[in-house]
Protein backbone atom coordinates (compact mmCIF):
# COMPACT_ATOMS: atom_id res chain seq x y z
CA MET A 1 0.00 0.00 0.00
CA LYS A 2 1.35 3.42 -0.98
CA LEU A 3 0.11 5.94 1.55
CA GLU A 4 0.73 9.02 -0.58
CA GLU A 5 -1.53 7.63 -3.28
CA LEU A 6 -4.13 6.76 -0.66
CA LYS A 7 -3.98 10.27 0.80
CA LYS A 8 -4.59 11.79 -2.64
CA GLU A 9 -7.48 9.42 -3.23
CA ARG A 10 -9.09 10.25 0.11
CA GLN A 11 -8.68 13.98 -0.47
CA LYS A 12 -11.13 13.57 -3.35
CA CYS A 13 -13.86 13.22 -0.71
CA LEU A 14 -14.08 17.02 -0.71
CA GLU A 15 -15.86 16.73 -4.05
CA TRP A 16 -18.40 14.17 -2.86
CA LYS A 17 -21.99 15.31 -3.14
CA ASN A 18 -22.63 15.19 0.62
CA VAL A 19 -19.27 16.73 1.59
CA LYS A 20 -18.91 19.53 -0.96
CA PRO A 21 -21.44 21.91 0.69
CA TRP A 22 -19.47 21.72 3.96
CA TYR A 23 -16.20 22.36 2.14
CA GLU A 24 -17.56 25.24 0.06
CA GLN A 25 -18.89 26.92 3.20
CA LEU A 26 -15.59 26.38 5.03
CA LYS A 27 -13.60 28.02 2.25
CA GLN A 28 -15.47 31.27 2.83
CA ILE A 29 -13.83 31.79 6.22
CA TYR A 30 -10.34 31.62 4.70
CA SER A 31 -10.75 35.28 3.76
CA ILE A 32 -10.82 36.10 7.49
CA LYS A 33 -7.20 36.48 8.55
CA LYS A 34 -6.38 37.34 12.13
CA ASP A 35 -2.95 37.50 13.72
CA ASN A 36 -1.87 37.72 17.34
CA ILE A 37 -5.21 36.51 18.66
CA ASN A 38 -5.52 35.09 22.16
CA ILE A 39 -5.69 31.29 22.58
CA GLU A 40 -6.89 29.87 25.89
CA ASN A 41 -6.05 26.19 26.36
CA SER A 42 -8.63 25.17 28.95
CA ASP A 43 -11.84 23.10 29.18
CA TRP A 44 -13.29 25.26 26.42
CA PHE A 45 -10.47 25.47 23.87
CA SER A 46 -10.84 29.14 22.99
CA VAL A 47 -9.53 31.15 20.06
CA GLY A 48 -9.95 34.91 19.89
CA LYS A 49 -12.65 37.21 21.20
CA LYS A 50 -15.81 38.49 19.60
CA GLU A 51 -14.45 42.03 19.52
CA ASP A 52 -11.65 40.80 17.22
CA LEU A 53 -14.22 40.48 14.42
CA THR A 54 -16.59 42.66 12.47
CA LYS A 55 -20.29 41.82 12.72
CA GLU A 56 -20.16 40.31 9.22
CA GLU A 57 -17.11 38.17 10.07
CA PHE A 58 -18.73 36.79 13.22
CA GLU A 59 -21.92 35.93 11.33
CA LEU A 60 -19.88 34.08 8.68
CA ILE A 61 -18.02 32.09 11.32
CA GLU A 62 -21.28 31.24 13.08
CA LYS A 63 -22.89 30.12 9.81
CA THR A 64 -19.86 27.96 8.96
CA ALA A 65 -19.76 26.32 12.39
CA LYS A 66 -23.48 25.50 12.14
CA THR A 67 -22.99 24.08 8.64
CA LEU A 68 -20.49 21.63 10.15
CA ILE A 69 -22.97 20.22 12.72
CA PRO A 70 -22.88 17.68 14.35
CA TRP A 71 -19.97 18.51 16.64
CA ARG A 72 -19.32 15.39 18.72
CA LYS A 73 -16.12 16.46 20.52
CA GLY A 74 -15.31 19.72 22.24
CA PRO A 75 -16.25 22.19 23.63
CA PHE A 76 -14.78 25.08 21.64
CA LYS A 77 -15.19 28.83 21.88
CA ILE A 78 -14.30 30.58 18.61
CA PHE A 79 -14.33 34.39 18.82
CA GLY A 80 -16.92 34.10 21.57
CA LEU A 81 -19.08 31.60 19.67
CA GLU A 82 -19.68 28.68 22.04
CA ILE A 83 -19.73 25.31 20.24
CA ASP A 84 -21.20 23.11 22.94
CA SER A 85 -20.45 19.64 21.60
CA GLU A 86 -22.31 16.42 22.42
CA TRP A 87 -19.35 15.16 24.44
CA GLN A 88 -17.78 17.27 27.16
CA SER A 89 -14.37 15.96 26.11
CA ASN A 90 -12.67 18.08 28.75
CA ILE A 91 -13.87 15.53 31.33
CA LYS A 92 -11.95 12.73 29.64
CA TYR A 93 -8.92 14.91 28.96
CA ASN A 94 -8.71 16.10 32.56
CA LEU A 95 -8.96 12.50 33.75
CA ILE A 96 -6.02 11.26 31.65
CA ARG A 97 -3.92 14.45 31.83
CA PRO A 98 -1.92 13.46 34.95
CA HIS A 99 -0.79 10.21 33.30
CA PHE A 100 1.40 11.48 30.46
CA ASN A 101 4.14 13.94 29.58
CA LEU A 102 4.45 14.67 25.86
CA LYS A 103 7.25 17.24 25.92
CA ASP A 104 9.53 16.80 22.88
CA LYS A 105 7.79 13.55 21.91
CA VAL A 106 6.38 12.46 18.56
CA VAL A 107 2.69 11.87 19.27
CA ALA A 108 -0.24 10.34 17.41
CA ASP A 109 -3.95 10.55 18.19
CA ILE A 110 -5.79 7.69 16.50
CA GLY A 111 -9.45 8.46 15.81
CA CYS A 112 -8.74 12.11 16.59
CA ASN A 113 -12.18 13.35 15.49
CA ASN A 114 -12.02 17.16 15.18
CA GLY A 115 -8.75 17.44 17.08
CA TYR A 116 -10.03 18.62 20.47
CA TYR A 117 -7.60 16.42 22.40
CA MET A 118 -4.69 17.42 20.15
CA PHE A 119 -5.40 21.10 20.64
CA ARG A 120 -5.34 20.47 24.38
CA MET A 121 -2.07 18.48 24.09
CA LEU A 122 -0.29 21.52 22.70
CA GLU A 123 0.28 22.70 26.28
CA ASP A 124 2.76 19.79 26.65
CA LYS A 125 4.89 21.06 23.75
CA PRO A 126 5.27 17.78 21.84
CA LYS A 127 7.89 17.64 19.08
CA ARG A 128 5.28 16.56 16.52
CA LEU A 129 1.54 15.96 16.81
CA ILE A 130 -0.37 13.98 14.19
CA GLY A 131 -4.03 12.97 14.13
CA PHE A 132 -5.43 10.01 12.22
CA ASP A 133 -9.11 9.94 11.25
CA PRO A 134 -10.76 9.11 7.90
CA SER A 135 -13.89 11.22 8.53
CA ALA A 136 -14.38 14.13 6.12
CA LEU A 137 -16.66 16.12 8.45
CA THR A 138 -14.31 15.99 11.43
CA MET A 139 -11.37 16.95 9.22
CA LEU A 140 -13.27 20.05 8.09
CA GLN A 141 -14.14 20.88 11.70
CA PHE A 142 -10.44 20.63 12.52
CA ASP A 143 -9.57 22.88 9.57
CA PHE A 144 -12.17 25.40 10.78
CA ILE A 145 -10.55 25.64 14.23
CA ASN A 146 -6.98 25.42 13.00
CA HIS A 147 -7.40 28.21 10.44
CA PHE A 148 -7.54 30.57 13.38
CA ALA A 149 -5.46 28.65 15.96
CA LYS A 150 -2.60 28.30 13.42
CA THR A 151 -1.04 25.23 15.03
CA ASN A 152 1.46 22.84 13.43
CA ILE A 153 -0.78 19.82 14.06
CA ILE A 154 -0.98 17.46 11.08
CA TYR A 155 -4.32 15.79 10.25
CA GLU A 156 -4.15 12.58 8.23
CA LYS A 157 -7.27 11.06 6.67
CA LEU A 158 -5.96 7.64 7.60
CA GLY A 159 -6.95 4.91 10.04
CA VAL A 160 -5.17 2.81 12.64
CA GLU A 161 -4.48 0.16 9.99
CA HIS A 162 -2.16 2.61 8.23
CA LEU A 163 -0.11 3.47 11.29
CA GLU A 164 2.59 0.83 10.78
CA LEU A 165 3.03 2.02 7.17
CA TYR A 166 3.50 5.67 8.11
CA ASN A 167 6.80 7.36 7.25
CA HIS A 168 7.95 7.47 10.87
CA LYS A 169 7.13 5.93 14.24
CA PHE A 170 5.81 7.50 17.41
CA ASP A 171 6.87 7.86 21.03
CA PHE A 172 3.32 8.06 22.39
CA ILE A 173 0.00 7.04 20.84
CA PHE A 174 -3.48 7.88 22.08
CA MET A 175 -6.44 5.83 20.93
CA LEU A 176 -9.55 7.04 22.74
CA GLY A 177 -12.90 5.45 22.00
CA VAL A 178 -11.81 3.42 18.98
CA LEU A 179 -11.01 -0.16 20.00
CA TYR A 180 -14.63 -1.31 20.30
CA HIS A 181 -15.22 -0.19 16.70
CA ARG A 182 -12.62 -2.65 15.40
CA ALA A 183 -13.67 -6.16 14.36
CA ASP A 184 -10.15 -7.41 15.18
CA PRO A 185 -9.15 -5.74 18.46
CA VAL A 186 -5.90 -7.66 18.92
CA GLY A 187 -4.88 -6.86 15.33
CA CYS A 188 -5.68 -3.21 16.02
CA LEU A 189 -3.46 -3.21 19.11
CA LYS A 190 -0.68 -4.90 17.12
CA SER A 191 -0.85 -2.02 14.64
CA LEU A 192 -0.30 0.39 17.54
CA ALA A 193 2.73 -1.59 18.71
CA LYS A 194 4.22 -1.60 15.21
CA GLY A 195 3.79 2.17 15.03
CA LEU A 196 5.76 2.83 18.22
CA ASN A 197 9.41 3.58 18.78
CA LYS A 198 11.42 1.63 21.35
CA ASN A 199 9.90 2.13 24.82
CA GLY A 200 6.91 3.80 23.19
CA GLU A 201 3.64 3.99 25.11
CA VAL A 202 -0.07 3.89 24.36
CA LEU A 203 -3.00 5.30 26.26
CA ILE A 204 -6.37 3.92 25.27
CA ASP A 205 -9.90 3.85 26.56
CA THR A 206 -12.60 1.42 25.58
CA PHE A 207 -15.99 0.13 26.67
CA MET A 208 -15.74 -2.61 29.29
CA ILE A 209 -17.96 -5.05 31.18
CA ASP A 210 -17.61 -6.10 34.79
CA GLY A 211 -16.33 -9.57 35.66
CA GLU A 212 -13.21 -11.51 36.57
CA GLN A 213 -13.28 -13.89 33.62
CA GLU A 214 -11.20 -13.23 30.51
CA VAL A 215 -14.21 -12.78 28.23
CA ALA A 216 -15.83 -10.14 26.04
CA LEU A 217 -19.42 -9.20 25.22
CA THR A 218 -20.27 -9.44 21.51
CA PRO A 219 -23.42 -7.36 21.00
CA ASN A 220 -26.05 -8.57 18.57
CA LYS A 221 -26.42 -5.87 15.87
CA ARG A 222 -26.29 -2.82 18.16
CA TYR A 223 -25.00 -1.67 21.53
CA SER A 224 -26.46 1.54 22.95
CA LYS A 225 -27.94 2.06 19.46
CA ILE A 226 -24.44 2.00 17.92
CA PRO A 227 -24.15 -0.54 15.06
CA ASN A 228 -20.37 -0.95 14.81
CA ILE A 229 -19.54 -2.19 18.31
CA TYR A 230 -17.84 -5.58 18.09
CA PHE A 231 -16.22 -6.61 21.38
CA ILE A 232 -16.58 -5.21 24.91
CA PRO A 233 -14.03 -6.94 27.19
CA THR A 234 -13.58 -7.40 30.88
CA ILE A 235 -10.44 -5.72 32.18
CA SER A 236 -8.77 -9.15 32.38
CA ALA A 237 -9.55 -9.81 28.72
CA LEU A 238 -8.27 -6.35 27.72
CA LYS A 239 -4.99 -6.99 29.53
CA ASN A 240 -4.66 -10.27 27.62
CA TRP A 241 -5.29 -8.50 24.31
CA LEU A 242 -2.59 -5.94 25.11
CA SER A 243 -0.10 -8.59 26.17
CA ARG A 244 -0.71 -10.68 23.05
CA ALA A 245 -0.33 -7.57 20.91
CA GLY A 246 3.14 -6.85 22.30
CA PHE A 247 2.64 -4.61 25.34
CA GLU A 248 3.83 -4.76 28.93
CA ASN A 249 3.68 -2.56 32.06
CA ILE A 250 -0.09 -2.48 31.65
CA GLU A 251 -1.57 0.06 34.05
CA ILE A 252 -5.28 0.60 34.68
CA LEU A 253 -5.72 4.34 35.12
CA ALA A 254 -9.45 4.63 35.76
CA VAL A 255 -12.85 3.02 35.32
CA THR A 256 -15.80 5.34 34.71
CA THR A 257 -19.50 5.16 33.99
CA THR A 258 -20.67 7.48 31.21
CA THR A 259 -23.07 10.12 32.56
CA LYS A 260 -25.35 12.76 31.09
CA GLU A 261 -22.89 15.40 32.32
CA GLU A 262 -20.32 14.00 29.87
CA GLN A 263 -22.56 13.04 26.92
CA ARG A 264 -25.82 14.79 26.12
CA LYS A 265 -27.86 16.46 23.40
CA THR A 266 -27.08 20.06 22.50
CA GLN A 267 -28.03 22.38 19.65
CA TRP A 268 -24.63 21.53 18.12
CA SER A 269 -25.06 17.75 18.08
CA PHE A 270 -27.33 14.90 17.08
CA ASP A 271 -31.00 14.77 18.03
CA GLN A 272 -30.28 11.75 20.26
CA SER A 273 -27.62 11.12 22.87
CA LEU A 274 -26.93 9.05 25.99
CA GLU A 275 -30.34 9.50 27.58
CA ASP A 276 -31.93 7.99 24.46
CA PHE A 277 -29.49 5.05 24.43
CA LEU A 278 -30.37 3.78 27.91
CA ASP A 279 -33.40 1.82 29.11
CA LYS A 280 -35.94 4.39 30.27
CA ASP A 281 -36.82 2.27 33.30
CA ASP A 282 -33.33 1.08 34.23
CA LYS A 283 -30.39 3.40 33.51
CA ASN A 284 -27.99 0.53 34.31
CA LYS A 285 -28.93 -1.04 30.97
CA THR A 286 -28.84 0.02 27.34
CA VAL A 287 -32.05 -0.02 25.30
CA GLU A 288 -30.96 -3.45 24.05
CA GLY A 289 -30.66 -4.80 27.59
CA TYR A 290 -26.86 -4.84 27.82
CA PRO A 291 -24.91 -3.30 30.72
CA ALA A 292 -24.83 0.50 30.42
CA PRO A 293 -21.61 2.02 29.03
CA LYS A 294 -18.57 1.90 31.30
CA ARG A 295 -15.04 2.77 30.21
CA VAL A 296 -11.63 1.62 31.26
CA TYR A 297 -8.55 3.78 30.72
CA VAL A 298 -5.25 1.95 30.36
CA LYS A 299 -1.64 2.83 29.62
CA ALA A 300 0.93 0.30 28.40
CA ARG A 301 4.48 0.19 27.05
CA LYS A 302 5.72 -1.61 23.96
CA LYS A 303 7.71 -4.76 24.70
CA ASN A 304 11.31 -4.51 23.53
């Protein structure tokens, strides 16, 4: 597989019938050029202030941001415009933040969505920061933010399966909320290992089920109304997957239950969210009758 050819092929998505209106709207903001604007790297990743813009410029930015709905990850504040995403991703970021130091490291974020976590990671001053995600909409959302933030983050329309073929390896890889979407979870973790430098580390989170046995739930058709959920392991099973994929020093960082404070409907998101995915009479179950979403956060080092 030649990645440069694949990148060119995937860039053609901007001409797809369903993508082109987003792209054409986005291009209109490129005429707005602002230098020396304030960036606040906090729960709301904020760029600029409303008074930095004319009334017409603010209205164009607002129209563009609304054209790019749904915003799943965030929140962002762009020249005072609050993009209140479905996920309050700051909760996850603040949970994992004490467990890594990215200074001068080459870092990848697999399944980076619109780049919220990468924008937050800039505070660590990594040597290089690269996001991998094949989604056209989230790439355009990233371009929307980055046009004004002017970072050196690289966004690749590639997936985890391309990581080992990339033109360099990484010191640290994040893969947040991706593993359960992969039909071959051990193969996915092996791709991470192959993409790491010596002593490289990964930090992942995934759905989990309670239990001591080394087993995984395989949902029938859907889990929490999501169609592409393949395997939800116990922590013991996840540790086995990591070990078999070539990792050691496996550390469980946290176990959390997803709440409506972290995931909920907003005017910037889908018309359904967590509250619609759970049994209305028993919030400990999904609408399909499975255990309600819990996540495990784990860090591991590549075996040498």
